Amino acid sequence: MWRKGLLCWLLLLGLFAGVAPMEAAGPLTIGVLAFRDKTQVVERWQHLSPYLEAALPGERFLVKAYTYEELEAAVRFHYAESLVVAGLLPEGVRTVVDVGSGAGFPGFVVAVARPELRMTLLEADQRKAAFLREASDFAPNVRVLSRRSDEVGEAFDVVISRAVRAEDVLELAERVGRWVMLVGTAPPGSGVGAEWEWWELPEGRGKVWMRGMPERGEERAKG
């Protein structure tokens, strides 16, 4: 049952798969299940693009076909990757923020796997945030904040992020976090000179990097 639900979710995620930051947003990708030749499926559904562009001035849309096998592979990788993150969270963690949550990986899956956590999905792009709010109806321990990371001031036990510039994530973690986890993105200098731990992701597709952040008192003492 969970697999069918996640496959439907991934089809919806196709809407946001190729969206760049709001300043230079690209076309929204509409994911369509390829039950026959991809070219035929795209031709059949391509008329959706001009219809939606007329209904939503200023937006551009691109129809893309996905085979069932591609969706299965996405489930295996993204779901497994997110479960790795859920299992690596430090003991005693209660509050987590997923920076640049995008389509909800890993934050949404972590929240479902660890219902005792309070998960905040931080996403500045209004379109992505709107989708995340809809998805969060299924997870009562999830909330969505549509803000930039430099607008966040509340404290979190762990700051996590996937495929977001490490420097931006670390800037937030230094201000509000006790721990930071980078998923698929190496820290500056690949962790050299800092107390980083790391673990391999499934299928050898990158690493999870984690470190504790200095206490505010320690920073003042060093200053």
C-alpha atoms as a PDB file:
ATOM      1  CA  MET A   1       0.000   0.000   0.000  1.00  0.00           C
ATOM      2  CA  TRP A   2       2.750   2.460   0.943  1.00  0.00           C
ATOM      3  CA  ARG A   3       4.519   1.806  -2.373  1.00  0.00           C
ATOM      4  CA  LYS A   4       1.472   2.714  -4.474  1.00  0.00           C
ATOM      5  CA  GLY A   5       0.963   5.855  -2.423  1.00  0.00           C
ATOM      6  CA  LEU A   6       4.582   6.868  -2.794  1.00  0.00           C
ATOM      7  CA  LEU A   7       4.479   6.266  -6.542  1.00  0.00           C
ATOM      8  CA  CYS A   8       1.496   8.625  -6.814  1.00  0.00           C
ATOM      9  CA  TRP A   9       3.391  11.129  -4.716  1.00  0.00           C
ATOM     10  CA  LEU A  10       6.413  10.893  -7.025  1.00  0.00           C
ATOM     11  CA  LEU A  11       4.209  11.552 -10.045  1.00  0.00           C
ATOM     12  CA  LEU A  12       3.098  14.747  -8.347  1.00  0.00           C
ATOM     13  CA  LEU A  13       6.692  15.555  -7.496  1.00  0.00           C
ATOM     14  CA  GLY A  14       7.371  15.705 -11.223  1.00  0.00           C
ATOM     15  CA  LEU A  15       5.631  19.072 -11.113  1.00  0.00           C
ATOM     16  CA  PHE A  16       8.563  20.404  -9.144  1.00  0.00           C
ATOM     17  CA  ALA A  17      11.483  18.283 -10.305  1.00  0.00           C
ATOM     18  CA  GLY A  18      13.136  20.912 -12.462  1.00  0.00           C
ATOM     19  CA  VAL A  19      12.199  24.145 -10.738  1.00  0.00           C
ATOM     20  CA  ALA A  20      15.051  26.528 -10.096  1.00  0.00           C
ATOM     21  CA  PRO A  21      15.005  29.203  -7.362  1.00  0.00           C
ATOM     22  CA  MET A  22      12.282  31.816  -7.746  1.00  0.00           C
ATOM     23  CA  GLU A  23      14.657  34.431  -9.142  1.00  0.00           C
ATOM     24  CA  ALA A  24      15.275  32.308 -12.243  1.00  0.00           C
ATOM     25  CA  ALA A  25      12.473  29.786 -12.272  1.00  0.00           C
ATOM     26  CA  GLY A  26      12.399  27.334 -15.150  1.00  0.00           C
ATOM     27  CA  PRO A  27       9.359  25.514 -16.491  1.00  0.00           C
ATOM     28  CA  LEU A  28       7.293  23.360 -14.179  1.00  0.00           C
ATOM     29  CA  THR A  29       7.624  19.707 -15.150  1.00  0.00           C
ATOM     30  CA  ILE A  30       4.374  17.725 -15.357  1.00  0.00           C
ATOM     31  CA  GLY A  31       5.087  14.048 -14.746  1.00  0.00           C
ATOM     32  CA  VAL A  32       2.985  11.570 -16.761  1.00  0.00           C
ATOM     33  CA  LEU A  33       3.134   7.783 -16.383  1.00  0.00           C
ATOM     34  CA  ALA A  34       4.412   6.260 -19.653  1.00  0.00           C
ATOM     35  CA  PHE A  35       2.079   3.299 -20.140  1.00  0.00           C
ATOM     36  CA  ARG A  36       3.283   3.098 -23.776  1.00  0.00           C
ATOM     37  CA  ASP A  37       6.096   4.641 -25.848  1.00  0.00           C
ATOM     38  CA  LYS A  38       7.294   7.841 -24.146  1.00  0.00           C
ATOM     39  CA  THR A  39       7.114   9.897 -27.338  1.00  0.00           C
ATOM     40  CA  GLN A  40       3.475   8.936 -27.876  1.00  0.00           C
ATOM     41  CA  VAL A  41       2.585   9.697 -24.264  1.00  0.00           C
ATOM     42  CA  VAL A  42       4.220  13.131 -24.394  1.00  0.00           C
ATOM     43  CA  GLU A  43       2.451  13.933 -27.688  1.00  0.00           C
ATOM     44  CA  ARG A  44      -0.865  12.883 -26.169  1.00  0.00           C
ATOM     45  CA  TRP A  45      -0.470  15.127 -23.121  1.00  0.00           C
ATOM     46  CA  GLN A  46       1.527  17.995 -24.602  1.00  0.00           C
ATOM     47  CA  HIS A  47      -1.635  20.079 -25.048  1.00  0.00           C
ATOM     48  CA  LEU A  48      -1.687  20.563 -21.280  1.00  0.00           C
ATOM     49  CA  SER A  49       1.221  22.997 -21.492  1.00  0.00           C
ATOM     50  CA  PRO A  50      -0.473  25.806 -23.477  1.00  0.00           C
ATOM     51  CA  TYR A  51      -3.728  25.255 -21.547  1.00  0.00           C
ATOM     52  CA  LEU A  52      -2.016  25.699 -18.187  1.00  0.00           C
ATOM     53  CA  GLU A  53       0.114  28.586 -19.425  1.00  0.00           C
ATOM     54  CA  ALA A  54      -3.060  30.396 -20.509  1.00  0.00           C
ATOM     55  CA  ALA A  55      -4.681  29.688 -17.138  1.00  0.00           C
ATOM     56  CA  LEU A  56      -1.578  30.711 -15.178  1.00  0.00           C
ATOM     57  CA  PRO A  57       0.052  33.699 -16.910  1.00  0.00           C
ATOM     58  CA  GLY A  58       3.761  33.969 -16.328  1.00  0.00           C
ATOM     59  CA  GLU A  59       4.287  30.249 -15.769  1.00  0.00           C
ATOM     60  CA  ARG A  60       5.790  27.729 -18.221  1.00  0.00           C
ATOM     61  CA  PHE A  61       5.135  23.980 -18.249  1.00  0.00           C
ATOM     62  CA  LEU A  62       6.932  20.962 -19.656  1.00  0.00           C
ATOM     63  CA  VAL A  63       5.369  17.490 -20.008  1.00  0.00           C
ATOM     64  CA  LYS A  64       7.738  14.620 -19.234  1.00  0.00           C
ATOM     65  CA  ALA A  65       6.972  10.877 -19.337  1.00  0.00           C
ATOM     66  CA  TYR A  66       8.224   8.421 -16.709  1.00  0.00           C
ATOM     67  CA  THR A  67       8.147   4.645 -16.962  1.00  0.00           C
ATOM     68  CA  TYR A  68       6.952   2.551 -14.042  1.00  0.00           C
ATOM     69  CA  GLU A  69      10.522   1.239 -13.675  1.00  0.00           C
ATOM     70  CA  GLU A  70      11.870   4.791 -13.388  1.00  0.00           C
ATOM     71  CA  LEU A  71       9.342   5.550 -10.672  1.00  0.00           C
ATOM     72  CA  GLU A  72      10.247   2.326  -8.872  1.00  0.00           C
ATOM     73  CA  ALA A  73      13.923   3.308  -9.012  1.00  0.00           C
ATOM     74  CA  ALA A  74      13.084   6.753  -7.634  1.00  0.00           C
ATOM     75  CA  VAL A  75      11.163   5.141  -4.771  1.00  0.00           C
ATOM     76  CA  ARG A  76      14.069   2.846  -3.944  1.00  0.00           C
ATOM     77  CA  PHE A  77      16.660   5.605  -3.993  1.00  0.00           C
ATOM     78  CA  HIS A  78      14.847   8.589  -2.454  1.00  0.00           C
ATOM     79  CA  TYR A  79      12.931   6.583   0.113  1.00  0.00           C
ATOM     80  CA  ALA A  80      15.991   4.546   1.145  1.00  0.00           C
ATOM     81  CA  GLU A  81      18.158   7.663   1.263  1.00  0.00           C
ATOM     82  CA  SER A  82      15.672   9.406   3.539  1.00  0.00           C
ATOM     83  CA  LEU A  83      15.423   6.379   5.846  1.00  0.00           C
ATOM     84  CA  VAL A  84      19.208   6.417   6.213  1.00  0.00           C
ATOM     85  CA  VAL A  85      18.955  10.015   7.413  1.00  0.00           C
ATOM     86  CA  ALA A  86      16.143   9.101   9.831  1.00  0.00           C
ATOM     87  CA  GLY A  87      18.286   6.364  11.340  1.00  0.00           C
ATOM     88  CA  LEU A  88      21.351   8.597  11.765  1.00  0.00           C
ATOM     89  CA  LEU A  89      19.680  11.390  13.726  1.00  0.00           C
ATOM     90  CA  PRO A  90      21.387  11.880  17.112  1.00  0.00           C
ATOM     91  CA  GLU A  91      19.735  10.440  20.204  1.00  0.00           C
ATOM     92  CA  GLY A  92      17.285  12.725  21.967  1.00  0.00           C
ATOM     93  CA  VAL A  93      16.483  14.843  18.904  1.00  0.00           C
ATOM     94  CA  ARG A  94      12.996  16.379  18.899  1.00  0.00           C
ATOM     95  CA  THR A  95      13.017  19.265  16.404  1.00  0.00           C
ATOM     96  CA  VAL A  96      14.394  19.115  12.844  1.00  0.00           C
ATOM     97  CA  VAL A  97      14.391  21.584   9.960  1.00  0.00           C
ATOM     98  CA  ASP A  98      14.875  20.478   6.338  1.00  0.00           C
ATOM     99  CA  VAL A  99      16.426  23.415   4.447  1.00  0.00           C
ATOM    100  CA  GLY A 100      15.341  23.872   0.829  1.00  0.00           C
ATOM    101  CA  SER A 101      12.946  20.956   1.200  1.00  0.00           C
ATOM    102  CA  GLY A 102      11.800  21.144  -2.432  1.00  0.00           C
ATOM    103  CA  ALA A 103       9.819  17.982  -3.143  1.00  0.00           C
ATOM    104  CA  GLY A 104       9.986  16.831   0.492  1.00  0.00           C
ATOM    105  CA  PHE A 105      13.129  14.670   0.521  1.00  0.00           C
ATOM    106  CA  PRO A 106      14.432  13.819   3.000  1.00  0.00           C
ATOM    107  CA  GLY A 107      12.336  15.798   5.493  1.00  0.00           C
ATOM    108  CA  PHE A 108       8.876  14.449   4.721  1.00  0.00           C
ATOM    109  CA  VAL A 109       9.952  10.803   4.760  1.00  0.00           C
ATOM    110  CA  VAL A 110      11.983  11.339   7.951  1.00  0.00           C
ATOM    111  CA  ALA A 111       8.894  12.823   9.611  1.00  0.00           C
ATOM    112  CA  VAL A 112       6.763   9.816   8.649  1.00  0.00           C
ATOM    113  CA  ALA A 113       9.438   7.350   9.798  1.00  0.00           C
ATOM    114  CA  ARG A 114       9.990   9.236  13.079  1.00  0.00           C
ATOM    115  CA  PRO A 115       6.541  10.466  14.194  1.00  0.00           C
ATOM    116  CA  GLU A 116       7.920  11.625  17.554  1.00  0.00           C
ATOM    117  CA  LEU A 117       9.847  14.392  15.767  1.00  0.00           C
ATOM    118  CA  ARG A 118       8.560  17.864  14.969  1.00  0.00           C
ATOM    119  CA  MET A 119       9.677  18.443  11.377  1.00  0.00           C
ATOM    120  CA  THR A 120       9.817  21.850   9.698  1.00  0.00           C
ATOM    121  CA  LEU A 121      10.097  21.905   5.906  1.00  0.00           C
ATOM    122  CA  LEU A 122      11.771  25.192   4.954  1.00  0.00           C
ATOM    123  CA  GLU A 123      11.119  26.165   1.330  1.00  0.00           C
ATOM    124  CA  ALA A 124      11.352  29.682  -0.095  1.00  0.00           C
ATOM    125  CA  ASP A 125       9.786  28.810  -3.468  1.00  0.00           C
ATOM    126  CA  GLN A 126       6.050  29.487  -3.113  1.00  0.00           C
ATOM    127  CA  ARG A 127       5.058  26.804  -5.635  1.00  0.00           C
ATOM    128  CA  LYS A 128       7.024  24.078  -3.902  1.00  0.00           C
ATOM    129  CA  ALA A 129       5.811  25.245  -0.498  1.00  0.00           C
ATOM    130  CA  ALA A 130       2.197  25.022  -1.664  1.00  0.00           C
ATOM    131  CA  PHE A 131       2.710  21.384  -2.674  1.00  0.00           C
ATOM    132  CA  LEU A 132       4.416  20.592   0.634  1.00  0.00           C
ATOM    133  CA  ARG A 133       1.477  22.045   2.551  1.00  0.00           C
ATOM    134  CA  GLU A 134      -0.874  19.727   0.677  1.00  0.00           C
ATOM    135  CA  ALA A 135       1.354  16.724   1.355  1.00  0.00           C
ATOM    136  CA  SER A 136       1.725  17.617   5.041  1.00  0.00           C
ATOM    137  CA  ASP A 137      -1.976  16.920   5.581  1.00  0.00           C
ATOM    138  CA  PHE A 138      -0.886  13.270   5.833  1.00  0.00           C
ATOM    139  CA  ALA A 139       1.742  13.967   8.508  1.00  0.00           C
ATOM    140  CA  PRO A 140       0.558  15.863  11.607  1.00  0.00           C
ATOM    141  CA  ASN A 141       4.142  16.343  12.849  1.00  0.00           C
ATOM    142  CA  VAL A 142       5.092  18.373   9.741  1.00  0.00           C
ATOM    143  CA  ARG A 143       4.804  22.106   9.192  1.00  0.00           C
ATOM    144  CA  VAL A 144       5.906  24.162   6.200  1.00  0.00           C
ATOM    145  CA  LEU A 145       7.665  27.531   6.361  1.00  0.00           C
ATOM    146  CA  SER A 146       7.871  29.482   3.110  1.00  0.00           C
ATOM    147  CA  ARG A 147      10.908  31.594   3.985  1.00  0.00           C
ATOM    148  CA  ARG A 148      14.559  31.992   3.125  1.00  0.00           C
ATOM    149  CA  SER A 149      17.017  30.460   5.550  1.00  0.00           C
ATOM    150  CA  ASP A 150      18.328  33.879   6.589  1.00  0.00           C
ATOM    151  CA  GLU A 151      14.810  34.767   7.798  1.00  0.00           C
ATOM    152  CA  VAL A 152      14.700  31.908  10.310  1.00  0.00           C
ATOM    153  CA  GLY A 153      15.617  32.604  13.937  1.00  0.00           C
ATOM    154  CA  GLU A 154      14.080  29.800  16.016  1.00  0.00           C
ATOM    155  CA  ALA A 155      16.253  27.018  17.371  1.00  0.00           C
ATOM    156  CA  PHE A 156      16.278  23.398  16.116  1.00  0.00           C
ATOM    157  CA  ASP A 157      18.036  20.285  17.338  1.00  0.00           C
ATOM    158  CA  VAL A 158      19.127  19.297  13.811  1.00  0.00           C
ATOM    159  CA  VAL A 159      19.433  21.196  10.536  1.00  0.00           C
ATOM    160  CA  ILE A 160      19.302  18.820   7.547  1.00  0.00           C
ATOM    161  CA  SER A 161      19.452  19.479   3.832  1.00  0.00           C
ATOM    162  CA  ARG A 162      19.774  17.603   0.562  1.00  0.00           C
ATOM    163  CA  ALA A 163      21.560  19.005  -2.494  1.00  0.00           C
ATOM    164  CA  VAL A 164      21.632  22.575  -1.132  1.00  0.00           C
ATOM    165  CA  ARG A 165      24.800  24.691  -1.076  1.00  0.00           C
ATOM    166  CA  ALA A 166      26.674  23.622   2.054  1.00  0.00           C
ATOM    167  CA  GLU A 167      27.693  27.155   2.996  1.00  0.00           C
ATOM    168  CA  ASP A 168      24.058  28.280   3.166  1.00  0.00           C
ATOM    169  CA  VAL A 169      23.059  25.326   5.338  1.00  0.00           C
ATOM    170  CA  LEU A 170      26.009  25.835   7.675  1.00  0.00           C
ATOM    171  CA  GLU A 171      25.187  29.526   8.072  1.00  0.00           C
ATOM    172  CA  LEU A 172      21.745  28.598   9.381  1.00  0.00           C
ATOM    173  CA  ALA A 173      23.061  25.734  11.529  1.00  0.00           C
ATOM    174  CA  GLU A 174      25.616  28.015  13.160  1.00  0.00           C
ATOM    175  CA  ARG A 175      22.824  30.364  14.200  1.00  0.00           C
ATOM    176  CA  VAL A 176      20.028  27.998  15.235  1.00  0.00           C
ATOM    177  CA  GLY A 177      21.186  24.348  15.271  1.00  0.00           C
ATOM    178  CA  ARG A 178      22.839  21.838  17.604  1.00  0.00           C
ATOM    179  CA  TRP A 179      23.664  19.420  14.760  1.00  0.00           C
ATOM    180  CA  VAL A 180      23.900  19.695  10.979  1.00  0.00           C
ATOM    181  CA  MET A 181      23.457  16.927   8.380  1.00  0.00           C
ATOM    182  CA  LEU A 182      24.361  17.389   4.713  1.00  0.00           C
ATOM    183  CA  VAL A 183      22.824  14.776   2.403  1.00  0.00           C
ATOM    184  CA  GLY A 184      24.624  14.246  -0.887  1.00  0.00           C
ATOM    185  CA  THR A 185      26.542  17.531  -0.578  1.00  0.00           C
ATOM    186  CA  ALA A 186      30.088  17.542   0.792  1.00  0.00           C
ATOM    187  CA  PRO A 187      30.977  20.189   3.384  1.00  0.00           C
ATOM    188  CA  PRO A 188      33.498  22.893   2.504  1.00  0.00           C
ATOM    189  CA  GLY A 189      36.907  21.273   2.205  1.00  0.00           C
ATOM    190  CA  SER A 190      35.172  17.862   2.243  1.00  0.00           C
ATOM    191  CA  GLY A 191      35.149  17.917   6.022  1.00  0.00           C
ATOM    192  CA  VAL A 192      38.915  18.344   6.413  1.00  0.00           C
ATOM    193  CA  GLY A 193      39.818  20.127   9.645  1.00  0.00           C
ATOM    194  CA  ALA A 194      36.351  19.761  11.150  1.00  0.00           C
ATOM    195  CA  GLU A 195      34.754  17.036  13.247  1.00  0.00           C
ATOM    196  CA  TRP A 196      32.596  15.583  10.502  1.00  0.00           C
ATOM    197  CA  GLU A 197      31.289  12.021  10.477  1.00  0.00           C
ATOM    198  CA  TRP A 198      30.071  10.499   7.232  1.00  0.00           C
ATOM    199  CA  TRP A 199      28.161   7.464   5.933  1.00  0.00           C
ATOM    200  CA  GLU A 200      27.668   6.111   2.406  1.00  0.00           C
ATOM    201  CA  LEU A 201      24.221   6.504   0.828  1.00  0.00           C
ATOM    202  CA  PRO A 202      22.482   3.522  -0.854  1.00  0.00           C
ATOM    203  CA  GLU A 203      23.925   2.406  -4.197  1.00  0.00           C
ATOM    204  CA  GLY A 204      27.025   4.508  -3.578  1.00  0.00           C
ATOM    205  CA  ARG A 205      25.256   7.724  -4.555  1.00  0.00           C
ATOM    206  CA  GLY A 206      27.069  10.134  -2.281  1.00  0.00           C
ATOM    207  CA  LYS A 207      27.374  10.483   1.473  1.00  0.00           C
ATOM    208  CA  VAL A 208      25.611  11.841   4.531  1.00  0.00           C
ATOM    209  CA  TRP A 209      27.840  14.226   6.494  1.00  0.00           C
ATOM    210  CA  MET A 210      27.105  15.163  10.121  1.00  0.00           C
ATOM    211  CA  ARG A 211      28.712  17.243  12.833  1.00  0.00           C
ATOM    212  CA  GLY A 212      27.776  18.927  16.083  1.00  0.00           C
ATOM    213  CA  MET A 213      27.686  22.704  16.169  1.00  0.00           C
ATOM    214  CA  PRO A 214      29.623  24.703  18.792  1.00  0.00           C
ATOM    215  CA  GLU A 215      27.572  25.882  21.748  1.00  0.00           C
ATOM    216  CA  ARG A 216      26.946  29.596  21.818  1.00  0.00           C
ATOM    217  CA  GLY A 217      28.944  29.828  25.057  1.00  0.00           C
ATOM    218  CA  GLU A 218      31.919  28.156  23.395  1.00  0.00           C
ATOM    219  CA  GLU A 219      31.813  30.685  20.563  1.00  0.00           C
ATOM    220  CA  ARG A 220      31.789  33.601  23.007  1.00  0.00           C
ATOM    221  CA  ALA A 221      34.728  32.096  24.908  1.00  0.00           C
ATOM    222  CA  LYS A 222      36.738  31.728  21.703  1.00  0.00           C
ATOM    223  CA  GLY A 223      35.950  35.308  20.771  1.00  0.00           C
END
